[in-house]
Protein backbone atom coordinates (compact mmCIF):
# COMPACT_ATOMS: atom_id res chain seq x y z
CA MET A 1 95.77 107.89 50.64
CA ASP A 2 97.55 109.85 47.85
CA ALA A 3 98.74 107.57 45.09
CA SER A 4 102.65 108.42 45.62
CA VAL A 5 102.52 106.90 48.79
CA PRO A 6 103.58 103.05 49.16
CA LEU A 7 101.08 100.55 50.29
CA ALA A 8 101.93 99.00 53.65
CA ARG A 9 102.62 95.31 53.14
CA ALA A 10 101.91 92.61 55.86
CA ALA A 11 105.11 90.77 54.68
CA ASP A 12 107.20 93.77 55.61
CA LEU A 13 105.98 93.78 59.16
CA LEU A 14 106.43 90.03 59.49
CA ALA A 15 109.81 90.26 58.24
CA TRP A 16 110.68 92.86 60.90
CA TYR A 17 108.64 90.69 63.65
CA ASP A 18 110.51 87.57 62.47
CA ARG A 19 113.96 89.36 63.80
CA HIS A 20 112.71 91.53 66.49
CA ARG A 21 109.69 89.44 68.45
CA ARG A 22 109.47 90.08 72.01
CA ALA A 23 110.27 87.18 74.33
CA LEU A 24 107.15 87.35 76.62
CA PRO A 25 106.29 84.74 79.39
CA TRP A 26 102.77 84.02 77.69
CA ARG A 27 103.92 83.88 74.11
CA ALA A 28 104.85 80.60 72.01
CA GLU A 29 108.33 80.35 70.90
CA ALA A 30 108.16 80.56 66.98
CA GLY A 31 106.94 77.40 65.37
CA GLU A 32 105.30 76.39 68.81
CA ARG A 33 101.53 76.18 69.60
CA PRO A 34 100.18 78.80 71.80
CA ASP A 35 98.52 77.80 74.96
CA PRO A 36 94.88 79.50 74.71
CA TYR A 37 94.78 79.64 78.58
CA ARG A 38 98.04 81.65 78.43
CA VAL A 39 97.09 83.78 75.77
CA TRP A 40 93.61 84.42 77.57
CA ALA A 41 95.00 85.02 80.73
CA SER A 42 97.33 87.29 79.68
CA GLU A 43 95.25 89.25 77.36
CA ILE A 44 92.98 89.94 80.51
CA MET A 45 95.91 91.00 82.81
CA LEU A 46 97.46 93.44 80.23
CA GLN A 47 94.00 95.60 79.84
CA GLN A 48 94.69 99.03 81.41
CA THR A 49 98.36 97.97 82.64
CA THR A 50 101.77 97.74 81.23
CA VAL A 51 103.97 94.71 80.24
CA THR A 52 106.47 95.35 82.72
CA ALA A 53 103.99 95.31 85.64
CA VAL A 54 102.20 92.00 84.31
CA LYS A 55 105.08 89.79 83.70
CA PRO A 56 105.90 88.99 87.62
CA TYR A 57 102.05 88.71 88.35
CA PHE A 58 101.67 86.52 85.42
CA GLU A 59 104.49 84.08 86.07
CA ARG A 60 103.16 83.86 89.58
CA PHE A 61 99.53 83.35 88.74
CA MET A 62 100.60 80.52 86.32
CA ALA A 63 102.66 78.88 88.85
CA ARG A 64 99.40 78.95 91.39
CA PHE A 65 96.78 78.15 88.64
CA PRO A 66 98.54 76.24 86.01
CA THR A 67 95.61 75.19 83.69
CA VAL A 68 92.09 76.59 83.41
CA ARG A 69 90.95 73.64 85.49
CA HIS A 70 93.14 74.94 88.76
CA LEU A 71 91.77 78.46 88.11
CA ALA A 72 88.02 77.31 87.73
CA GLU A 73 88.18 75.10 90.69
CA ALA A 74 90.09 77.60 93.01
CA PRO A 75 88.08 79.70 95.68
CA SER A 76 87.28 83.51 94.83
CA GLU A 77 89.28 84.53 97.65
CA GLU A 78 92.32 82.60 96.41
CA VAL A 79 91.78 84.54 92.88
CA MET A 80 91.45 88.06 94.21
CA GLN A 81 94.37 87.52 96.56
CA ALA A 82 96.78 86.23 93.45
CA TRP A 83 95.58 89.46 91.73
CA ALA A 84 95.95 91.99 94.48
CA GLY A 85 97.75 94.94 93.00
CA LEU A 86 96.99 94.50 89.22
CA GLY A 87 93.81 97.10 89.56
CA TYR A 88 90.90 96.95 87.78
CA TYR A 89 89.73 93.99 90.02
CA SER A 90 86.20 93.27 88.08
CA ARG A 91 89.00 91.87 85.74
CA ALA A 92 89.75 89.04 88.15
CA ARG A 93 86.25 88.45 88.92
CA ASN A 94 85.49 88.08 85.36
CA LEU A 95 88.60 85.70 84.76
CA HIS A 96 87.43 83.40 87.51
CA ALA A 97 83.72 83.20 85.93
CA CYS A 98 85.04 82.95 82.59
CA ALA A 99 87.48 79.98 83.60
CA GLN A 100 84.14 78.12 84.96
CA ALA A 101 82.28 78.48 82.05
CA VAL A 102 85.29 77.02 79.93
CA MET A 103 84.94 74.29 82.30
CA GLU A 104 81.19 73.87 82.28
CA ARG A 105 80.42 74.53 79.00
CA HIS A 106 83.49 73.66 76.90
CA GLY A 107 84.88 70.80 78.90
CA GLY A 108 88.28 72.85 79.43
CA ARG A 109 88.48 73.81 76.12
CA PHE A 110 88.34 77.37 74.88
CA PRO A 111 86.17 78.30 72.00
CA ASP A 112 88.45 78.88 68.84
CA THR A 113 86.37 81.57 66.97
CA GLU A 114 85.53 85.10 68.00
CA ASP A 115 81.72 84.70 68.39
CA GLY A 116 82.30 81.68 70.48
CA LEU A 117 84.80 83.42 72.80
CA ARG A 118 82.73 86.57 73.10
CA ALA A 119 80.00 84.32 74.46
CA LEU A 120 82.05 83.87 77.74
CA PRO A 121 82.11 85.92 80.66
CA GLY A 122 84.42 89.16 80.80
CA ILE A 123 85.56 88.65 77.06
CA GLY A 124 84.84 91.66 74.94
CA ALA A 125 85.47 92.57 71.26
CA TYR A 126 89.45 93.08 71.72
CA THR A 127 90.05 90.13 73.77
CA ALA A 128 87.98 87.89 71.24
CA GLY A 129 89.93 89.25 68.44
CA ALA A 130 93.38 88.89 70.13
CA VAL A 131 92.47 85.20 71.44
CA ALA A 132 91.26 83.89 68.26
CA ALA A 133 94.28 85.45 66.41
CA ILE A 134 97.13 84.35 68.67
CA ALA A 135 95.86 81.06 69.88
CA PHE A 136 94.20 79.92 66.98
CA ASP A 137 95.36 81.70 64.06
CA ARG A 138 92.14 82.91 63.10
CA PRO A 139 91.74 86.07 60.57
CA ALA A 140 90.70 88.60 63.51
CA ALA A 141 91.33 91.92 64.40
CA ALA A 142 92.81 92.99 67.93
CA VAL A 143 92.74 96.39 68.31
CA ASP A 144 94.58 97.67 71.63
CA GLY A 145 96.15 100.93 72.37
CA ASN A 146 99.32 100.10 70.68
CA VAL A 147 97.41 98.92 67.41
CA GLU A 148 95.36 102.38 67.49
CA ARG A 149 98.57 104.25 67.52
CA VAL A 150 100.18 102.55 64.44
CA MET A 151 97.34 102.27 62.18
CA THR A 152 95.94 106.08 62.95
CA ARG A 153 99.47 107.24 62.17
CA LEU A 154 99.93 104.99 59.34
CA PHE A 155 96.89 106.26 57.50
CA ALA A 156 96.97 109.60 59.26
CA ILE A 157 93.20 108.87 60.44
CA GLU A 158 91.71 112.24 61.85
CA GLU A 159 88.59 110.81 63.93
CA ALA A 160 89.27 110.56 67.55
CA VAL A 161 89.59 107.38 69.76
CA PRO A 162 87.77 105.45 71.12
CA GLY A 163 85.09 106.43 68.08
CA VAL A 164 87.47 105.58 65.23
CA ARG A 165 88.09 101.73 66.44
CA PRO A 166 85.55 100.30 64.03
CA LEU A 167 87.59 101.93 61.17
CA ILE A 168 90.73 100.78 62.43
CA ARG A 169 89.35 97.61 62.59
CA GLU A 170 88.46 97.56 59.13
CA LYS A 171 91.90 98.80 58.17
CA VAL A 172 93.65 95.86 60.18
CA LEU A 173 91.27 93.32 58.44
CA ALA A 174 92.42 94.79 54.80
CA LEU A 175 95.93 94.42 55.84
CA LEU A 176 95.47 90.84 57.62
CA PRO A 177 97.47 88.25 55.68
CA ARG A 178 95.78 84.65 55.48
CA ASP A 179 98.61 82.77 56.29
CA ARG A 180 100.11 84.12 59.67
CA PRO A 181 97.19 86.09 61.25
CA GLY A 182 98.13 85.31 64.69
CA ASP A 183 101.95 86.40 64.22
CA PHE A 184 100.72 89.71 62.64
CA ALA A 185 98.63 90.32 65.54
CA GLN A 186 101.52 90.21 67.74
CA ALA A 187 103.53 92.12 65.43
CA LEU A 188 101.61 95.17 65.36
CA MET A 189 101.71 94.81 69.25
CA ASP A 190 105.02 94.87 69.53
CA LEU A 191 105.73 97.58 66.78
CA GLY A 192 103.48 99.89 68.78
CA ALA A 193 105.22 98.83 72.14
CA THR A 194 108.75 99.18 70.88
CA ILE A 195 109.01 101.46 67.80
CA CYS A 196 105.78 103.43 67.14
CA THR A 197 105.71 104.70 70.85
CA PRO A 198 103.72 107.54 72.02
CA ARG A 199 106.75 109.96 72.32
CA LYS A 200 109.68 109.91 70.07
CA PRO A 201 108.74 106.95 67.84
CA ALA A 202 111.86 105.29 65.89
CA CYS A 203 110.54 106.05 62.72
CA GLY A 204 114.11 105.25 61.12
CA LEU A 205 113.64 101.56 62.28
CA CYS A 206 109.99 100.85 61.36
CA PRO A 207 109.43 98.75 58.54
CA TRP A 208 106.39 100.68 57.68
CA ARG A 209 107.89 103.87 57.78
CA ALA A 210 107.77 104.45 53.65
CA PRO A 211 103.92 104.13 53.83
CA CYS A 212 103.14 105.74 57.07
CA VAL A 213 101.36 109.10 56.10
CA ALA A 214 101.85 110.85 59.58
CA ARG A 215 105.63 110.17 59.37
CA ALA A 216 105.46 111.74 55.67
CA GLU A 217 103.76 114.82 57.25
CA GLY A 218 106.02 115.02 60.12
CA ALA A 219 103.00 114.81 62.49
CA GLN A 220 103.49 111.23 63.87
CA GLU A 221 103.34 112.45 67.44
CA SER A 222 99.95 113.95 66.95
CA PHE A 223 98.29 110.81 66.28
CA PRO A 224 96.18 109.40 67.74
CA ARG A 225 93.73 111.93 67.95
CA LYS A 226 91.95 111.85 71.33
CA ALA A 227 88.48 113.10 72.47
CA PRO A 228 88.89 115.55 75.30
CA LYS A 229 88.51 113.84 78.89
CA LYS A 230 86.36 115.11 81.72
CA ALA A 231 88.05 115.58 84.76
CA GLY A 232 86.85 113.23 87.60
CA VAL A 233 85.81 114.85 90.82
CA THR A 234 87.72 114.37 94.02
CA ARG A 235 86.33 111.89 96.48
CA TYR A 236 86.76 112.32 99.81
CA GLY A 237 86.45 109.58 102.92
CA ALA A 238 87.83 108.22 106.17
CA ALA A 239 89.93 104.80 106.47
CA PHE A 240 90.09 102.98 109.93
CA VAL A 241 93.36 101.22 110.75
CA LEU A 242 92.38 99.11 114.06
CA ALA A 243 95.22 97.02 115.52
CA ARG A 244 94.77 94.58 118.30
CA ALA A 245 97.30 94.42 121.04
CA ASP A 246 98.62 91.25 119.51
CA GLY A 247 99.07 92.91 116.24
CA ALA A 248 96.33 91.76 114.09
CA ILE A 249 94.23 94.34 111.83
CA LEU A 250 90.57 94.91 111.15
CA LEU A 251 89.76 94.13 107.85
CA ARG A 252 86.35 93.37 105.95
CA THR A 253 85.39 92.18 102.11
CA ARG A 254 84.03 94.70 100.01
CA PRO A 255 80.75 93.85 98.01
CA ALA A 256 81.06 91.30 95.29
CA LYS A 257 80.01 93.79 92.81
CA GLY A 258 81.19 97.60 92.10
CA LEU A 259 84.47 99.35 92.56
CA LEU A 260 86.96 96.89 93.89
CA GLY A 261 84.41 94.20 94.60
CA GLY A 262 85.50 91.33 96.32
CA MET A 263 88.74 92.64 97.58
CA ALA A 264 89.75 93.12 101.42
CA GLU A 265 89.75 96.69 102.94
CA VAL A 266 90.04 98.40 106.39
CA PRO A 267 86.72 99.57 107.30
CA THR A 268 86.03 103.14 105.61
CA SER A 269 83.11 105.67 105.34
CA GLU A 270 81.60 106.37 102.18
CA TRP A 271 83.55 107.86 99.40
CA ARG A 272 81.99 111.35 98.24
CA ALA A 273 82.73 114.51 97.00
CA ASP A 274 80.78 116.15 100.05
CA TYR A 275 82.36 114.11 102.73
CA GLU A 276 82.68 115.88 106.12
CA LEU A 277 85.64 114.52 108.04
CA ASP A 278 84.10 116.13 111.35
CA GLY A 279 81.66 113.22 111.04
CA ALA A 280 84.00 110.18 110.91
CA ALA A 281 83.45 109.08 114.41
CA GLN A 282 79.61 107.78 112.98
CA ASP A 283 81.56 105.86 110.44
CA ALA A 284 84.23 104.02 112.92
CA PRO A 285 83.94 100.43 113.29
CA LEU A 286 84.22 100.61 117.18
CA PRO A 287 83.65 103.75 119.37
CA LEU A 288 87.39 104.58 120.25
CA ARG A 289 89.45 107.66 120.69
CA TRP A 290 91.02 107.60 117.35
CA GLN A 291 93.70 109.31 116.15
CA ARG A 292 93.88 111.06 112.70
CA LEU A 293 97.08 110.90 110.96
CA PRO A 294 98.24 114.44 109.22
CA GLU A 295 98.39 113.29 105.95
CA PRO A 296 95.60 111.52 103.65
CA VAL A 297 96.45 108.74 101.35
CA ARG A 298 95.77 109.69 98.06
CA HIS A 299 94.82 107.50 94.92
CA VAL A 300 93.74 108.05 91.46
CA PHE A 301 91.19 105.33 89.96
CA THR A 302 89.93 105.80 86.34
CA HIS A 303 87.13 108.02 86.62
CA PHE A 304 88.04 110.12 90.06
CA PRO A 305 90.63 111.04 92.27
CA LEU A 306 90.24 109.81 96.04
CA GLU A 307 91.68 111.12 99.25
CA LEU A 308 91.26 108.98 102.54
CA SER A 309 92.05 110.58 105.78
CA VAL A 310 93.34 107.61 107.88
CA LEU A 311 92.65 107.29 111.45
CA VAL A 312 94.32 104.81 113.77
CA GLY A 313 93.34 102.84 117.02
CA ARG A 314 94.27 100.34 119.46
CA VAL A 315 92.24 97.57 121.27
CA PRO A 316 93.04 94.96 123.87
CA ALA A 317 94.08 91.50 122.24
CA ALA A 318 90.62 89.92 123.17
CA THR A 319 88.64 92.33 121.24
CA GLN A 320 86.22 90.69 118.85
CA PRO A 321 85.51 92.10 115.62
CA PRO A 322 82.37 93.72 114.37
CA PRO A 323 79.78 91.35 112.64
CA GLY A 324 80.96 91.16 108.92
CA MET A 325 84.47 91.97 109.73
CA ARG A 326 87.69 90.12 110.93
CA PHE A 327 90.99 90.62 112.68
CA THR A 328 93.82 89.20 110.35
CA ALA A 329 97.40 88.56 112.02
CA PRO A 330 100.09 90.65 110.60
CA ALA A 331 101.64 87.08 109.17
CA ARG A 332 98.60 86.29 107.45
CA LEU A 333 98.13 90.35 105.81
CA ALA A 334 99.80 88.96 102.53
CA GLU A 335 97.30 86.49 102.10
CA GLU A 336 94.61 89.23 102.03
CA PRO A 337 93.23 90.80 98.47
CA LEU A 338 94.38 94.26 99.60
CA PRO A 339 94.48 96.45 96.53
CA SER A 340 97.00 99.12 96.17
CA VAL A 341 95.09 101.77 97.70
CA MET A 342 94.12 99.91 100.81
CA LEU A 343 98.09 98.91 100.98
CA LYS A 344 98.84 102.65 101.22
CA VAL A 345 96.19 102.92 104.02
CA VAL A 346 97.43 100.12 105.87
CA GLU A 347 101.10 100.94 105.53
CA ALA A 348 100.27 104.52 106.62
CA GLY A 349 98.28 103.52 109.88
CA LEU A 350 101.01 100.70 110.93
CA LYS A 351 103.79 103.21 110.60
CA ALA A 352 101.82 105.53 112.84
CA LEU A 353 100.75 102.64 115.45
CA ARG A 354 104.41 101.42 115.43
CA PRO A 355 106.04 101.95 119.17
CA ARG A 356 108.49 104.82 118.92
CA PRO A 357 111.94 104.10 120.33
CA SER A 358 112.51 105.80 123.98
CA ALA A 359 114.75 108.64 124.13
CA PRO A 360 118.25 108.14 125.92
């Protein structure tokens, strides 16, 4: 860094944080001791998801599972159902497994070190650092997307993410105050979320505007540098919405491991780039006269886009489900752990199956 550029000070960031800290449902009030369970659960939920999206889920989740014991003892189906809609469903499976490990290995108390936390299922370097710092005030670096943005701008770091994360971690640890590491971790996150935003950052309000190298160069929006992404190949498939005369919908549970593991779905074909819709009948759960909807349901996963052609059918109320499947009554559909892509499919299918009003 140029000698003429002032050095960033943790004290300046903490003074800003004391005035402008966000009120979040998982965050302890100033002077209160954080609840490690709430801190950990929120950090898992916030991965790949926004604060705005997480808030209502978090509050409902805590009402349903108020302690780590409640979560550990809950059936996996109930946990997956409570998670439905948040996406990245392996997080829910890991959350459940981690709660059980905390109960079995630690008597319901979370380890208070990064190493101890990392030994638990589903906890990686970022989550271990965040929980250690925020819940236990340990001198740990929690490097999420907000922190990456702040630090790469502050030092005008040219290396691209994610490869630059070890360097960012070093920079954070070098700035870390001994007396308030938990507040410092949250202050960095808040700064990135509210001031040092991806577009049009409010540099005039930033406590680190003077030492920020990217701001001095007028290049703040060009950081962090990012490696080019490889576009995923679109996959295709068929999804079958089958309704009995009593309104029940045919569902099944996906395998525990893999994409959307343990979630509920209507029967579908494989999802492949070379899927041929002409052969959809052989993937149907029952031999019927299926009606294909004119518009597919489109959904984008992290690694690929998906297009599902929706086929609908009706059967008598006495029809039994094929092996490994179940009919779920309309009143109980909300209890099923349906991911967002399946909610789209079911909504499209039910709309097509709904009786049309007769002409006058």
